[in-house]
């Protein structure tokens, strides 16, 4: 029987250096990243909720910016605050490839 981590199609990667993500007009610390979405660090009094649609998430690779929409999939409480998981909604293969490049550029991959 496969464990949950073996069933997972994407794996979250740790970020080597502090990286910020712009969502709308607000900036957040990136906590983790996968090819399917991101985790951002938010304050305990945040206004995000499960299932919420998030628009205008700016992801840059090699000086090319692309904007994504996503959905809040989890809120994980930690000592440093809350990690808010956002799963992206991909409208085309180019968007997915852009995110895959971002993961390759930014993560602490083995």
N, C-alpha and C. Protein backbone atom coordinates (compact mmCIF):
# COMPACT_ATOMS: atom_id res chain seq x y z
N UNK A 1 0.84 -1.18 0.00
CA UNK A 1 0.00 0.00 0.00
C UNK A 1 0.88 1.25 0.00
N UNK A 2 0.54 2.20 -0.84
CA UNK A 2 1.33 3.43 -0.96
C UNK A 2 1.01 4.39 0.17
N UNK A 3 2.04 5.07 0.65
CA UNK A 3 1.83 6.10 1.66
C UNK A 3 1.30 7.35 0.98
N UNK A 4 0.84 8.30 1.77
CA UNK A 4 0.32 9.56 1.24
C UNK A 4 1.37 10.27 0.40
N UNK A 5 2.62 10.29 0.88
CA UNK A 5 3.67 10.98 0.13
C UNK A 5 3.98 10.28 -1.19
N UNK A 6 3.81 8.96 -1.26
CA UNK A 6 4.03 8.24 -2.51
C UNK A 6 2.91 8.51 -3.52
N UNK A 7 1.70 8.78 -3.04
CA UNK A 7 0.56 9.07 -3.91
C UNK A 7 0.59 10.51 -4.43
N UNK A 8 1.28 11.38 -3.72
CA UNK A 8 1.32 12.80 -4.07
C UNK A 8 1.91 12.99 -5.46
N UNK A 9 1.24 13.77 -6.31
CA UNK A 9 1.72 14.02 -7.66
C UNK A 9 2.76 15.13 -7.70
N UNK A 10 2.71 16.05 -6.77
CA UNK A 10 3.71 17.11 -6.71
C UNK A 10 4.28 17.16 -5.30
N UNK A 11 5.49 17.63 -5.20
CA UNK A 11 6.19 17.68 -3.92
C UNK A 11 6.56 19.12 -3.63
N UNK A 12 6.29 19.58 -2.40
CA UNK A 12 6.67 20.93 -2.00
C UNK A 12 8.17 20.97 -1.79
N UNK A 13 8.79 22.03 -2.24
CA UNK A 13 10.23 22.21 -2.08
C UNK A 13 10.48 23.40 -1.17
N UNK A 14 11.52 23.30 -0.35
CA UNK A 14 11.91 24.42 0.50
C UNK A 14 12.60 25.48 -0.36
N UNK A 15 12.51 26.71 0.09
CA UNK A 15 13.12 27.82 -0.62
C UNK A 15 14.48 28.12 0.02
N UNK A 16 15.52 28.28 -0.80
CA UNK A 16 16.86 28.52 -0.28
C UNK A 16 17.04 29.93 0.28
N UNK A 17 16.43 30.92 -0.33
CA UNK A 17 16.61 32.30 0.09
C UNK A 17 15.24 32.96 0.24
N UNK A 18 15.16 34.01 1.05
CA UNK A 18 13.87 34.69 1.20
C UNK A 18 13.36 35.17 -0.15
N UNK A 19 12.15 34.80 -0.46
CA UNK A 19 11.53 35.16 -1.72
C UNK A 19 10.14 35.69 -1.42
N UNK A 20 9.79 36.75 -2.08
CA UNK A 20 8.48 37.35 -1.87
C UNK A 20 7.61 37.19 -3.11
N UNK A 21 6.33 37.00 -2.86
CA UNK A 21 5.34 36.84 -3.91
C UNK A 21 4.36 37.99 -3.80
N UNK A 22 4.00 38.58 -4.93
CA UNK A 22 3.03 39.66 -4.96
C UNK A 22 1.68 39.08 -5.38
N UNK A 23 0.68 39.33 -4.55
CA UNK A 23 -0.70 38.94 -4.86
C UNK A 23 -1.53 40.20 -4.81
N UNK A 24 -2.01 40.61 -5.98
CA UNK A 24 -2.70 41.89 -6.06
C UNK A 24 -1.73 43.00 -5.72
N UNK A 25 -2.02 43.73 -4.65
CA UNK A 25 -1.14 44.82 -4.20
C UNK A 25 -0.35 44.47 -2.95
N UNK A 26 -0.51 43.23 -2.45
CA UNK A 26 0.15 42.80 -1.22
C UNK A 26 1.32 41.87 -1.51
N UNK A 27 2.33 41.91 -0.62
CA UNK A 27 3.51 41.08 -0.76
C UNK A 27 3.57 40.09 0.40
N UNK A 28 3.91 38.83 0.09
CA UNK A 28 3.97 37.77 1.09
C UNK A 28 5.29 37.03 0.97
N UNK A 29 5.76 36.49 2.10
CA UNK A 29 6.95 35.64 2.10
C UNK A 29 6.56 34.27 1.56
N UNK A 30 7.33 33.76 0.60
CA UNK A 30 7.09 32.43 0.06
C UNK A 30 7.60 31.39 1.04
N UNK A 31 6.76 30.45 1.44
CA UNK A 31 7.15 29.41 2.40
C UNK A 31 7.59 28.14 1.68
N UNK A 32 6.89 27.75 0.63
CA UNK A 32 7.25 26.57 -0.15
C UNK A 32 6.63 26.68 -1.53
N UNK A 33 7.08 25.81 -2.42
CA UNK A 33 6.64 25.87 -3.81
C UNK A 33 6.58 24.46 -4.39
N UNK A 34 5.64 24.24 -5.28
CA UNK A 34 5.57 22.99 -6.04
C UNK A 34 5.13 23.35 -7.45
N UNK A 35 5.10 22.39 -8.34
CA UNK A 35 4.67 22.67 -9.70
C UNK A 35 3.18 22.97 -9.76
N UNK A 36 2.45 22.66 -8.69
CA UNK A 36 1.00 22.89 -8.66
C UNK A 36 0.59 24.16 -7.93
N UNK A 37 1.50 24.75 -7.15
CA UNK A 37 1.12 25.94 -6.40
C UNK A 37 2.19 26.39 -5.42
N UNK A 38 1.79 27.23 -4.49
CA UNK A 38 2.74 27.82 -3.53
C UNK A 38 2.15 27.82 -2.13
N UNK A 39 3.03 27.98 -1.15
CA UNK A 39 2.63 28.22 0.23
C UNK A 39 3.19 29.58 0.61
N UNK A 40 2.37 30.44 1.16
CA UNK A 40 2.83 31.76 1.59
C UNK A 40 2.68 31.90 3.09
N UNK A 41 3.57 32.65 3.69
CA UNK A 41 3.51 32.92 5.13
C UNK A 41 2.60 34.13 5.34
N UNK A 42 1.58 33.96 6.19
CA UNK A 42 0.67 35.07 6.49
C UNK A 42 0.57 35.24 7.99
N UNK A 43 0.18 36.42 8.42
CA UNK A 43 0.01 36.71 9.85
C UNK A 43 -1.18 35.93 10.40
N UNK A 44 -1.19 35.72 11.70
CA UNK A 44 -2.28 34.97 12.34
C UNK A 44 -3.66 35.60 12.11
N UNK A 45 -3.73 36.90 11.96
CA UNK A 45 -5.02 37.56 11.75
C UNK A 45 -5.38 37.73 10.28
N UNK A 46 -4.90 36.83 9.44
CA UNK A 46 -5.11 36.94 7.99
C UNK A 46 -6.59 36.85 7.61
N UNK A 47 -6.90 37.19 6.37
CA UNK A 47 -8.29 37.15 5.91
C UNK A 47 -8.54 36.05 4.88
N UNK A 48 -7.60 35.12 4.71
CA UNK A 48 -7.78 34.02 3.77
C UNK A 48 -8.67 32.94 4.37
N UNK A 49 -9.40 32.21 3.51
CA UNK A 49 -10.23 31.11 3.98
C UNK A 49 -10.21 29.99 2.94
N UNK A 50 -10.44 28.76 3.38
CA UNK A 50 -10.42 27.60 2.50
C UNK A 50 -11.41 27.77 1.35
N UNK A 51 -10.97 27.43 0.16
CA UNK A 51 -11.82 27.52 -1.02
C UNK A 51 -11.83 28.89 -1.67
N UNK A 52 -11.22 29.87 -1.03
CA UNK A 52 -11.21 31.24 -1.56
C UNK A 52 -10.46 31.28 -2.88
N UNK A 53 -10.99 32.01 -3.84
CA UNK A 53 -10.31 32.25 -5.12
C UNK A 53 -9.34 33.41 -4.95
N UNK A 54 -8.10 33.22 -5.37
CA UNK A 54 -7.07 34.25 -5.28
C UNK A 54 -6.66 34.60 -6.71
N UNK A 55 -6.63 35.88 -7.03
CA UNK A 55 -6.29 36.30 -8.38
C UNK A 55 -5.06 37.18 -8.39
N UNK A 56 -4.44 37.25 -9.54
CA UNK A 56 -3.30 38.14 -9.78
C UNK A 56 -2.09 37.80 -8.91
N UNK A 57 -1.69 36.50 -8.94
CA UNK A 57 -0.49 36.04 -8.24
C UNK A 57 0.67 36.16 -9.22
N UNK A 58 1.61 37.03 -8.93
CA UNK A 58 2.71 37.30 -9.86
C UNK A 58 3.88 36.33 -9.62
N UNK A 59 4.24 35.58 -10.68
CA UNK A 59 5.36 34.65 -10.63
C UNK A 59 6.33 35.04 -11.73
N UNK A 60 7.60 35.32 -11.35
CA UNK A 60 8.60 35.75 -12.32
C UNK A 60 9.69 34.70 -12.50
N UNK A 61 10.04 34.44 -13.77
CA UNK A 61 11.18 33.60 -14.11
C UNK A 61 11.98 34.32 -15.17
N UNK A 62 13.28 34.35 -15.00
CA UNK A 62 14.17 34.97 -16.00
C UNK A 62 13.61 36.30 -16.51
N UNK A 63 13.18 37.15 -15.60
CA UNK A 63 12.63 38.47 -15.94
C UNK A 63 11.33 38.44 -16.74
N UNK A 64 10.67 37.30 -16.77
CA UNK A 64 9.35 37.20 -17.42
C UNK A 64 8.32 37.02 -16.32
N UNK A 65 7.37 37.94 -16.25
CA UNK A 65 6.33 37.85 -15.22
C UNK A 65 5.06 37.26 -15.83
N UNK A 66 4.43 36.41 -15.06
CA UNK A 66 3.16 35.83 -15.48
C UNK A 66 2.24 35.87 -14.26
N UNK A 67 0.96 36.09 -14.49
CA UNK A 67 0.00 36.18 -13.40
C UNK A 67 -0.89 34.94 -13.40
N UNK A 68 -1.08 34.39 -12.20
CA UNK A 68 -1.87 33.18 -12.02
C UNK A 68 -3.07 33.45 -11.12
N UNK A 69 -4.06 32.62 -11.25
CA UNK A 69 -5.18 32.56 -10.31
C UNK A 69 -5.06 31.24 -9.58
N UNK A 70 -5.61 31.18 -8.38
CA UNK A 70 -5.55 29.94 -7.63
C UNK A 70 -6.65 29.86 -6.60
N UNK A 71 -6.62 28.78 -5.83
CA UNK A 71 -7.61 28.52 -4.79
C UNK A 71 -6.87 28.14 -3.50
N UNK A 72 -7.33 28.68 -2.37
CA UNK A 72 -6.75 28.33 -1.07
C UNK A 72 -7.14 26.88 -0.76
N UNK A 73 -6.11 26.03 -0.57
CA UNK A 73 -6.37 24.61 -0.31
C UNK A 73 -6.08 24.19 1.13
N UNK A 74 -5.24 24.95 1.83
CA UNK A 74 -5.00 24.62 3.24
C UNK A 74 -4.46 25.84 3.97
N UNK A 75 -4.68 25.85 5.28
CA UNK A 75 -4.14 26.85 6.19
C UNK A 75 -3.49 26.08 7.33
N UNK A 76 -2.17 26.14 7.40
CA UNK A 76 -1.43 25.37 8.39
C UNK A 76 -0.86 26.33 9.44
N UNK A 77 -1.29 26.16 10.68
CA UNK A 77 -0.84 27.03 11.77
C UNK A 77 0.51 26.57 12.28
N UNK A 78 1.45 27.52 12.38
CA UNK A 78 2.80 27.25 12.88
C UNK A 78 3.16 28.33 13.88
N UNK A 79 4.28 28.16 14.58
CA UNK A 79 4.70 29.17 15.56
C UNK A 79 4.94 30.53 14.91
N UNK A 80 5.43 30.54 13.69
CA UNK A 80 5.76 31.79 13.00
C UNK A 80 4.55 32.44 12.33
N UNK A 81 3.41 31.81 12.40
CA UNK A 81 2.21 32.35 11.77
C UNK A 81 1.45 31.24 11.07
N UNK A 82 0.94 31.54 9.89
CA UNK A 82 0.13 30.58 9.15
C UNK A 82 0.71 30.43 7.75
N UNK A 83 0.83 29.18 7.28
CA UNK A 83 1.19 28.94 5.89
C UNK A 83 -0.11 28.68 5.14
N UNK A 84 -0.32 29.49 4.12
CA UNK A 84 -1.53 29.43 3.32
C UNK A 84 -1.19 28.77 1.99
N UNK A 85 -1.75 27.60 1.73
CA UNK A 85 -1.48 26.87 0.50
C UNK A 85 -2.41 27.31 -0.61
N UNK A 86 -1.83 27.64 -1.76
CA UNK A 86 -2.61 28.10 -2.91
C UNK A 86 -2.31 27.17 -4.08
N UNK A 87 -3.34 26.52 -4.60
CA UNK A 87 -3.21 25.66 -5.77
C UNK A 87 -3.57 26.48 -7.01
N UNK A 88 -2.68 26.49 -7.99
CA UNK A 88 -2.90 27.29 -9.18
C UNK A 88 -3.94 26.66 -10.11
N UNK A 89 -4.58 27.52 -10.87
CA UNK A 89 -5.49 27.12 -11.93
C UNK A 89 -4.75 27.38 -13.24
N UNK A 90 -4.35 26.33 -13.93
CA UNK A 90 -3.59 26.48 -15.17
C UNK A 90 -4.55 26.48 -16.36
N UNK A 91 -4.47 27.52 -17.17
CA UNK A 91 -5.34 27.64 -18.35
C UNK A 91 -4.68 27.10 -19.61
N UNK A 92 -3.36 26.89 -19.57
CA UNK A 92 -2.66 26.36 -20.74
C UNK A 92 -1.33 25.74 -20.32
N UNK A 93 -0.72 25.00 -21.21
CA UNK A 93 0.53 24.31 -20.90
C UNK A 93 1.66 25.29 -20.68
N UNK A 94 1.62 26.45 -21.32
CA UNK A 94 2.67 27.45 -21.13
C UNK A 94 2.70 27.94 -19.68
N UNK A 95 1.52 28.08 -19.09
CA UNK A 95 1.44 28.51 -17.69
C UNK A 95 2.07 27.45 -16.78
N UNK A 96 1.76 26.19 -17.03
CA UNK A 96 2.34 25.11 -16.22
C UNK A 96 3.86 25.07 -16.39
N UNK A 97 4.34 25.21 -17.62
CA UNK A 97 5.78 25.20 -17.88
C UNK A 97 6.48 26.37 -17.19
N UNK A 98 5.82 27.53 -17.16
CA UNK A 98 6.38 28.70 -16.47
C UNK A 98 6.57 28.38 -14.99
N UNK A 99 5.58 27.75 -14.39
CA UNK A 99 5.67 27.41 -12.96
C UNK A 99 6.74 26.35 -12.73
N UNK A 100 6.87 25.39 -13.63
CA UNK A 100 7.91 24.37 -13.50
C UNK A 100 9.30 25.00 -13.56
N UNK A 101 9.49 26.01 -14.42
CA UNK A 101 10.77 26.72 -14.48
C UNK A 101 11.03 27.46 -13.17
N UNK A 102 9.99 28.06 -12.61
CA UNK A 102 10.12 28.79 -11.35
C UNK A 102 10.58 27.84 -10.24
N UNK A 103 9.98 26.66 -10.17
CA UNK A 103 10.34 25.69 -9.15
C UNK A 103 11.81 25.30 -9.33
N UNK A 104 12.22 25.05 -10.54
CA UNK A 104 13.60 24.64 -10.82
C UNK A 104 14.59 25.74 -10.43
N UNK A 105 14.24 27.00 -10.68
CA UNK A 105 15.11 28.12 -10.36
C UNK A 105 15.21 28.39 -8.87
N UNK A 106 14.11 28.22 -8.13
CA UNK A 106 14.04 28.68 -6.74
C UNK A 106 14.17 27.64 -5.66
N UNK A 107 13.99 26.38 -5.97
CA UNK A 107 13.89 25.40 -4.88
C UNK A 107 15.23 24.84 -4.47
N UNK A 108 15.21 24.17 -3.32
CA UNK A 108 16.39 23.49 -2.79
C UNK A 108 16.32 22.03 -3.22
N UNK A 109 16.27 21.81 -4.52
CA UNK A 109 16.12 20.46 -5.05
C UNK A 109 17.40 19.65 -4.86
N UNK A 110 17.21 18.37 -4.69
CA UNK A 110 18.38 17.46 -4.51
C UNK A 110 19.08 17.25 -5.83
